[in-house]
Amino acid sequence: MSREAERLNRRLLRARDAMDRAYAQPLDVAAVAAVAHLSPAHFSRCFRDVFGETPHRYLQRRRVERSMFLLREPGRTVTDVCFGVGFASLGTFSRTFREIVGQSPSAYRDGHQPVGVPNCALMAHTRPRTSRSSG
């Protein structure tokens, strides 16, 4: 790997880490691209090449991953979880959740009660996986 490719990968990792930390905040590609010191279009292309999905899809998947955990907590409504993880619309949240997980947020919550295992094990087990890459 060339030195330039290594530098680019580090900048992309910094941007992905920023997305992981601020997933619940309103983020757009331009803001995350600025973290990597790249133009939004170049950042999107490089991000997809390195991580296999667009920055937007990565952020959506990260938000859905967190919502899966929150939906297991008693007393939380789907709407609270939706806005708590950074979605601006309940419809978009439900559609995206169904695309990634395969069922609605309500159905997921009904079928997955709180579990008494360490959070790290739970997150590894419930991490959404998709066989297709869509953006």
N, C-alpha and C. Protein backbone atom coordinates (compact mmCIF):
# COMPACT_ATOMS: atom_id res chain seq x y z
N MET A 1 0.85 -1.18 0.00
CA MET A 1 0.00 0.00 0.00
C MET A 1 0.89 1.24 0.00
N SER A 2 0.58 2.17 -0.84
CA SER A 2 1.38 3.39 -0.93
C SER A 2 1.13 4.29 0.28
N ARG A 3 2.03 5.18 0.49
CA ARG A 3 1.92 6.11 1.60
C ARG A 3 0.68 7.00 1.45
N GLU A 4 0.39 7.40 0.21
CA GLU A 4 -0.79 8.24 -0.04
C GLU A 4 -2.08 7.48 0.24
N ALA A 5 -2.13 6.22 -0.15
CA ALA A 5 -3.32 5.40 0.13
C ALA A 5 -3.50 5.20 1.63
N GLU A 6 -2.41 5.03 2.32
CA GLU A 6 -2.46 4.88 3.78
C GLU A 6 -3.00 6.16 4.44
N ARG A 7 -2.54 7.31 3.97
CA ARG A 7 -3.04 8.59 4.51
C ARG A 7 -4.54 8.75 4.24
N LEU A 8 -4.95 8.40 3.03
CA LEU A 8 -6.37 8.49 2.69
C LEU A 8 -7.20 7.58 3.60
N ASN A 9 -6.73 6.36 3.82
CA ASN A 9 -7.45 5.43 4.69
C ASN A 9 -7.57 5.96 6.11
N ARG A 10 -6.53 6.58 6.61
CA ARG A 10 -6.58 7.17 7.95
C ARG A 10 -7.63 8.28 8.03
N ARG A 11 -7.67 9.12 6.98
CA ARG A 11 -8.66 10.19 6.96
C ARG A 11 -10.08 9.63 6.88
N LEU A 12 -10.26 8.57 6.11
CA LEU A 12 -11.58 7.94 6.02
C LEU A 12 -11.97 7.31 7.35
N LEU A 13 -11.02 6.70 8.03
CA LEU A 13 -11.31 6.13 9.35
C LEU A 13 -11.69 7.22 10.35
N ARG A 14 -11.00 8.36 10.29
CA ARG A 14 -11.36 9.48 11.17
C ARG A 14 -12.79 9.93 10.92
N ALA A 15 -13.16 10.02 9.65
CA ALA A 15 -14.52 10.43 9.29
C ALA A 15 -15.53 9.39 9.77
N ARG A 16 -15.23 8.11 9.59
CA ARG A 16 -16.15 7.06 10.05
C ARG A 16 -16.28 7.08 11.57
N ASP A 17 -15.18 7.31 12.27
CA ASP A 17 -15.23 7.42 13.73
C ASP A 17 -16.09 8.61 14.15
N ALA A 18 -15.99 9.71 13.43
CA ALA A 18 -16.82 10.88 13.73
C ALA A 18 -18.30 10.54 13.52
N MET A 19 -18.60 9.77 12.50
CA MET A 19 -19.98 9.35 12.27
C MET A 19 -20.46 8.44 13.40
N ASP A 20 -19.59 7.56 13.86
CA ASP A 20 -19.95 6.66 14.96
C ASP A 20 -20.24 7.44 16.24
N ARG A 21 -19.46 8.48 16.49
CA ARG A 21 -19.65 9.27 17.71
C ARG A 21 -20.89 10.15 17.64
N ALA A 22 -21.16 10.71 16.48
CA ALA A 22 -22.23 11.71 16.34
C ALA A 22 -23.41 11.20 15.52
N TYR A 23 -23.65 9.88 15.53
CA TYR A 23 -24.70 9.31 14.69
C TYR A 23 -26.07 9.92 14.94
N ALA A 24 -26.33 10.38 16.15
CA ALA A 24 -27.65 10.92 16.48
C ALA A 24 -27.80 12.39 16.08
N GLN A 25 -26.72 13.01 15.67
CA GLN A 25 -26.76 14.41 15.25
C GLN A 25 -27.11 14.51 13.77
N PRO A 26 -27.64 15.65 13.36
CA PRO A 26 -27.88 15.82 11.92
C PRO A 26 -26.54 15.89 11.18
N LEU A 27 -26.26 14.90 10.37
CA LEU A 27 -25.01 14.85 9.62
C LEU A 27 -25.31 14.78 8.13
N ASP A 28 -24.49 15.44 7.35
CA ASP A 28 -24.59 15.29 5.90
C ASP A 28 -23.21 14.95 5.37
N VAL A 29 -23.16 14.54 4.13
CA VAL A 29 -21.90 14.10 3.54
C VAL A 29 -20.86 15.22 3.57
N ALA A 30 -21.28 16.44 3.32
CA ALA A 30 -20.33 17.56 3.31
C ALA A 30 -19.65 17.73 4.67
N ALA A 31 -20.42 17.61 5.74
CA ALA A 31 -19.84 17.77 7.08
C ALA A 31 -18.85 16.66 7.39
N VAL A 32 -19.20 15.43 7.04
CA VAL A 32 -18.31 14.30 7.32
C VAL A 32 -17.09 14.35 6.39
N ALA A 33 -17.29 14.76 5.15
CA ALA A 33 -16.17 14.89 4.21
C ALA A 33 -15.17 15.92 4.71
N ALA A 34 -15.65 16.95 5.36
CA ALA A 34 -14.76 17.98 5.91
C ALA A 34 -13.83 17.39 6.97
N VAL A 35 -14.31 16.41 7.72
CA VAL A 35 -13.46 15.75 8.72
C VAL A 35 -12.29 15.04 8.03
N ALA A 36 -12.56 14.48 6.85
CA ALA A 36 -11.52 13.77 6.09
C ALA A 36 -10.72 14.71 5.18
N HIS A 37 -11.09 15.99 5.16
CA HIS A 37 -10.43 16.97 4.30
C HIS A 37 -10.51 16.58 2.82
N LEU A 38 -11.72 16.17 2.40
CA LEU A 38 -11.97 15.78 1.02
C LEU A 38 -13.24 16.47 0.53
N SER A 39 -13.37 16.59 -0.77
CA SER A 39 -14.62 17.11 -1.32
C SER A 39 -15.71 16.06 -1.08
N PRO A 40 -16.96 16.47 -0.97
CA PRO A 40 -18.03 15.50 -0.72
C PRO A 40 -18.09 14.37 -1.76
N ALA A 41 -17.95 14.69 -3.04
CA ALA A 41 -18.03 13.66 -4.08
C ALA A 41 -16.86 12.68 -3.98
N HIS A 42 -15.66 13.21 -3.81
CA HIS A 42 -14.48 12.34 -3.70
C HIS A 42 -14.57 11.50 -2.43
N PHE A 43 -15.01 12.11 -1.35
CA PHE A 43 -15.17 11.38 -0.09
C PHE A 43 -16.15 10.22 -0.26
N SER A 44 -17.28 10.47 -0.89
CA SER A 44 -18.28 9.41 -1.08
C SER A 44 -17.72 8.25 -1.89
N ARG A 45 -17.02 8.56 -2.97
CA ARG A 45 -16.42 7.50 -3.80
C ARG A 45 -15.39 6.70 -3.02
N CYS A 46 -14.50 7.39 -2.34
CA CYS A 46 -13.45 6.71 -1.57
C CYS A 46 -14.04 5.89 -0.43
N PHE A 47 -15.02 6.44 0.27
CA PHE A 47 -15.65 5.75 1.39
C PHE A 47 -16.26 4.44 0.91
N ARG A 48 -16.98 4.50 -0.20
CA ARG A 48 -17.63 3.29 -0.74
C ARG A 48 -16.58 2.27 -1.18
N ASP A 49 -15.50 2.73 -1.79
CA ASP A 49 -14.45 1.81 -2.20
C ASP A 49 -13.82 1.10 -1.01
N VAL A 50 -13.60 1.82 0.06
CA VAL A 50 -12.91 1.26 1.23
C VAL A 50 -13.85 0.45 2.12
N PHE A 51 -15.06 0.97 2.39
CA PHE A 51 -15.95 0.33 3.36
C PHE A 51 -17.10 -0.47 2.74
N GLY A 52 -17.26 -0.37 1.43
CA GLY A 52 -18.27 -1.19 0.76
C GLY A 52 -19.68 -0.65 0.77
N GLU A 53 -19.88 0.53 1.28
CA GLU A 53 -21.19 1.17 1.29
C GLU A 53 -21.00 2.68 1.32
N THR A 54 -22.04 3.40 0.92
CA THR A 54 -21.94 4.86 0.90
C THR A 54 -21.93 5.40 2.32
N PRO A 55 -21.43 6.61 2.52
CA PRO A 55 -21.47 7.20 3.87
C PRO A 55 -22.90 7.30 4.40
N HIS A 56 -23.83 7.65 3.54
CA HIS A 56 -25.23 7.77 3.96
C HIS A 56 -25.76 6.43 4.45
N ARG A 57 -25.49 5.36 3.71
CA ARG A 57 -25.97 4.04 4.10
C ARG A 57 -25.28 3.57 5.38
N TYR A 58 -24.00 3.87 5.53
CA TYR A 58 -23.29 3.51 6.75
C TYR A 58 -23.94 4.18 7.95
N LEU A 59 -24.24 5.47 7.82
CA LEU A 59 -24.86 6.21 8.91
C LEU A 59 -26.24 5.65 9.23
N GLN A 60 -27.01 5.34 8.20
CA GLN A 60 -28.33 4.74 8.44
C GLN A 60 -28.19 3.41 9.18
N ARG A 61 -27.26 2.57 8.75
CA ARG A 61 -27.06 1.27 9.40
C ARG A 61 -26.62 1.45 10.84
N ARG A 62 -25.76 2.42 11.09
CA ARG A 62 -25.31 2.69 12.46
C ARG A 62 -26.47 3.13 13.34
N ARG A 63 -27.33 3.98 12.80
CA ARG A 63 -28.50 4.44 13.55
C ARG A 63 -29.47 3.28 13.82
N VAL A 64 -29.67 2.44 12.83
CA VAL A 64 -30.56 1.28 13.02
C VAL A 64 -29.96 0.33 14.05
N GLU A 65 -28.66 0.13 14.00
CA GLU A 65 -27.99 -0.73 14.98
C GLU A 65 -28.26 -0.23 16.40
N ARG A 66 -28.10 1.05 16.61
CA ARG A 66 -28.36 1.63 17.94
C ARG A 66 -29.83 1.52 18.31
N SER A 67 -30.72 1.73 17.34
CA SER A 67 -32.15 1.65 17.62
C SER A 67 -32.55 0.23 18.02
N MET A 68 -31.89 -0.77 17.46
CA MET A 68 -32.20 -2.15 17.84
C MET A 68 -31.96 -2.36 19.33
N PHE A 69 -30.89 -1.78 19.83
CA PHE A 69 -30.60 -1.87 21.26
C PHE A 69 -31.66 -1.12 22.07
N LEU A 70 -31.98 0.10 21.65
CA LEU A 70 -32.92 0.93 22.40
C LEU A 70 -34.33 0.36 22.39
N LEU A 71 -34.71 -0.32 21.32
CA LEU A 71 -36.06 -0.90 21.25
C LEU A 71 -36.24 -2.03 22.26
N ARG A 72 -35.17 -2.58 22.76
CA ARG A 72 -35.25 -3.63 23.77
C ARG A 72 -35.54 -3.07 25.16
N GLU A 73 -35.32 -1.78 25.35
CA GLU A 73 -35.54 -1.18 26.66
C GLU A 73 -37.03 -0.95 26.88
N PRO A 74 -37.53 -1.38 28.03
CA PRO A 74 -38.96 -1.18 28.31
C PRO A 74 -39.27 0.31 28.48
N GLY A 75 -40.45 0.70 28.05
CA GLY A 75 -40.90 2.07 28.25
C GLY A 75 -40.52 3.03 27.14
N ARG A 76 -39.80 2.60 26.15
CA ARG A 76 -39.42 3.47 25.04
C ARG A 76 -40.38 3.23 23.87
N THR A 77 -40.88 4.31 23.32
CA THR A 77 -41.74 4.17 22.14
C THR A 77 -40.87 4.16 20.89
N VAL A 78 -41.44 3.66 19.82
CA VAL A 78 -40.72 3.65 18.54
C VAL A 78 -40.39 5.08 18.11
N THR A 79 -41.31 5.99 18.35
CA THR A 79 -41.08 7.40 17.99
C THR A 79 -39.91 7.98 18.78
N ASP A 80 -39.84 7.71 20.08
CA ASP A 80 -38.72 8.19 20.90
C ASP A 80 -37.39 7.65 20.38
N VAL A 81 -37.38 6.37 20.04
CA VAL A 81 -36.16 5.75 19.53
C VAL A 81 -35.78 6.36 18.19
N CYS A 82 -36.77 6.55 17.32
CA CYS A 82 -36.55 7.12 16.00
C CYS A 82 -35.81 8.45 16.09
N PHE A 83 -36.35 9.37 16.87
CA PHE A 83 -35.73 10.68 16.97
C PHE A 83 -34.46 10.65 17.82
N GLY A 84 -34.38 9.72 18.75
CA GLY A 84 -33.20 9.59 19.61
C GLY A 84 -31.95 9.13 18.88
N VAL A 85 -32.12 8.40 17.78
CA VAL A 85 -30.96 7.92 17.02
C VAL A 85 -30.64 8.79 15.82
N GLY A 86 -31.41 9.86 15.61
CA GLY A 86 -31.05 10.82 14.58
C GLY A 86 -31.90 10.84 13.33
N PHE A 87 -32.93 10.02 13.25
CA PHE A 87 -33.82 10.10 12.09
C PHE A 87 -34.74 11.29 12.26
N ALA A 88 -35.06 11.98 11.18
CA ALA A 88 -35.92 13.16 11.23
C ALA A 88 -37.36 12.82 10.93
N SER A 89 -37.62 11.58 10.50
CA SER A 89 -38.96 11.19 10.10
C SER A 89 -39.23 9.76 10.54
N LEU A 90 -40.39 9.54 11.13
CA LEU A 90 -40.77 8.20 11.56
C LEU A 90 -40.93 7.28 10.36
N GLY A 91 -41.45 7.80 9.25
CA GLY A 91 -41.61 6.99 8.05
C GLY A 91 -40.28 6.51 7.49
N THR A 92 -39.31 7.42 7.43
CA THR A 92 -37.97 7.05 6.94
C THR A 92 -37.33 6.05 7.88
N PHE A 93 -37.48 6.26 9.16
CA PHE A 93 -36.93 5.32 10.15
C PHE A 93 -37.53 3.93 9.95
N SER A 94 -38.85 3.85 9.87
CA SER A 94 -39.51 2.54 9.73
C SER A 94 -39.11 1.85 8.44
N ARG A 95 -39.07 2.60 7.33
CA ARG A 95 -38.70 2.02 6.04
C ARG A 95 -37.25 1.51 6.07
N THR A 96 -36.36 2.33 6.59
CA THR A 96 -34.94 1.96 6.65
C THR A 96 -34.73 0.78 7.58
N PHE A 97 -35.39 0.79 8.73
CA PHE A 97 -35.29 -0.31 9.69
C PHE A 97 -35.74 -1.61 9.03
N ARG A 98 -36.86 -1.57 8.33
CA ARG A 98 -37.38 -2.77 7.66
C ARG A 98 -36.42 -3.27 6.58
N GLU A 99 -35.83 -2.34 5.80
CA GLU A 99 -34.88 -2.73 4.76
C GLU A 99 -33.66 -3.43 5.34
N ILE A 100 -33.17 -2.94 6.46
CA ILE A 100 -31.93 -3.47 7.04
C ILE A 100 -32.18 -4.70 7.90
N VAL A 101 -33.22 -4.66 8.73
CA VAL A 101 -33.46 -5.72 9.71
C VAL A 101 -34.41 -6.79 9.16
N GLY A 102 -35.33 -6.39 8.30
CA GLY A 102 -36.26 -7.37 7.74
C GLY A 102 -37.62 -7.38 8.41
N GLN A 103 -37.82 -6.50 9.36
CA GLN A 103 -39.12 -6.37 10.03
C GLN A 103 -39.27 -4.95 10.55
N SER A 104 -40.50 -4.61 10.89
CA SER A 104 -40.75 -3.25 11.38
C SER A 104 -40.14 -3.07 12.78
N PRO A 105 -39.92 -1.83 13.18
CA PRO A 105 -39.41 -1.60 14.54
C PRO A 105 -40.33 -2.17 15.63
N SER A 106 -41.63 -2.04 15.44
CA SER A 106 -42.58 -2.57 16.43
C SER A 106 -42.50 -4.08 16.52
N ALA A 107 -42.43 -4.73 15.38
CA ALA A 107 -42.32 -6.20 15.37
C ALA A 107 -41.01 -6.64 16.00
N TYR A 108 -39.95 -5.91 15.72
CA TYR A 108 -38.66 -6.24 16.32
C TYR A 108 -38.74 -6.12 17.84
N ARG A 109 -39.31 -5.02 18.31
CA ARG A 109 -39.43 -4.81 19.75
C ARG A 109 -40.25 -5.91 20.40
N ASP A 110 -41.37 -6.29 19.77
CA ASP A 110 -42.23 -7.33 20.33
C ASP A 110 -41.53 -8.68 20.41
N GLY A 111 -40.63 -8.95 19.48
CA GLY A 111 -39.95 -10.25 19.45
C GLY A 111 -38.63 -10.28 20.18
N HIS A 112 -38.17 -9.16 20.69
CA HIS A 112 -36.86 -9.10 21.34
C HIS A 112 -36.97 -8.36 22.67
N GLN A 113 -37.09 -9.12 23.72
CA GLN A 113 -37.18 -8.54 25.05
C GLN A 113 -35.79 -8.27 25.60
N PRO A 114 -35.68 -7.46 26.67
CA PRO A 114 -34.37 -7.18 27.27
C PRO A 114 -33.64 -8.48 27.64
N VAL A 115 -32.34 -8.47 27.43
CA VAL A 115 -31.53 -9.65 27.68
C VAL A 115 -30.47 -9.29 28.72
N GLY A 116 -30.18 -10.21 29.61
CA GLY A 116 -29.18 -9.98 30.65
C GLY A 116 -27.79 -10.44 30.26
N VAL A 117 -27.27 -9.93 29.17
CA VAL A 117 -25.90 -10.27 28.75
C VAL A 117 -25.11 -8.97 28.61
N PRO A 118 -23.80 -9.05 28.62
CA PRO A 118 -23.00 -7.83 28.45
C PRO A 118 -23.35 -7.13 27.14
N ASN A 119 -23.33 -5.82 27.19
CA ASN A 119 -23.70 -5.01 26.02
C ASN A 119 -22.84 -5.33 24.81
N CYS A 120 -21.54 -5.56 25.00
CA CYS A 120 -20.65 -5.83 23.86
C CYS A 120 -21.07 -7.12 23.15
N ALA A 121 -21.47 -8.13 23.90
CA ALA A 121 -21.91 -9.39 23.28
C ALA A 121 -23.24 -9.19 22.57
N LEU A 122 -24.13 -8.42 23.18
CA LEU A 122 -25.43 -8.15 22.57
C LEU A 122 -25.26 -7.38 21.26
N MET A 123 -24.41 -6.37 21.25
CA MET A 123 -24.20 -5.57 20.04
C MET A 123 -23.60 -6.43 18.92
N ALA A 124 -22.66 -7.29 19.27
CA ALA A 124 -22.06 -8.15 18.25
C ALA A 124 -23.09 -9.12 17.67
N HIS A 125 -23.97 -9.62 18.52
CA HIS A 125 -24.98 -10.58 18.07
C HIS A 125 -26.08 -9.93 17.24
N THR A 126 -26.47 -8.72 17.59
CA THR A 126 -27.60 -8.08 16.93
C THR A 126 -27.20 -7.11 15.83
N ARG A 127 -25.92 -7.01 15.51
CA ARG A 127 -25.46 -6.07 14.46
C ARG A 127 -26.14 -6.44 13.14
N PRO A 128 -26.80 -5.47 12.51
CA PRO A 128 -27.48 -5.77 11.24
C PRO A 128 -26.47 -6.06 10.14
N ARG A 129 -26.79 -7.04 9.36
CA ARG A 129 -25.94 -7.40 8.23
C ARG A 129 -26.80 -7.43 6.98
N THR A 130 -26.29 -6.87 5.93
CA THR A 130 -27.03 -6.90 4.68
C THR A 130 -26.19 -7.60 3.64
N SER A 131 -26.86 -8.35 2.80
CA SER A 131 -26.15 -9.08 1.77
C SER A 131 -25.97 -8.24 0.52
N ARG A 132 -26.77 -7.20 0.39
CA ARG A 132 -26.65 -6.33 -0.78
C ARG A 132 -26.15 -4.99 -0.30
N SER A 133 -25.42 -4.33 -1.16
CA SER A 133 -24.98 -2.98 -0.79
C SER A 133 -25.82 -2.01 -1.58
N SER A 134 -26.54 -1.20 -0.83
CA SER A 134 -27.37 -0.18 -1.46
C SER A 134 -27.08 1.13 -0.79
N GLY A 135 -27.28 2.18 -1.44
CA GLY A 135 -26.91 3.47 -0.91
C GLY A 135 -28.05 4.37 -0.91
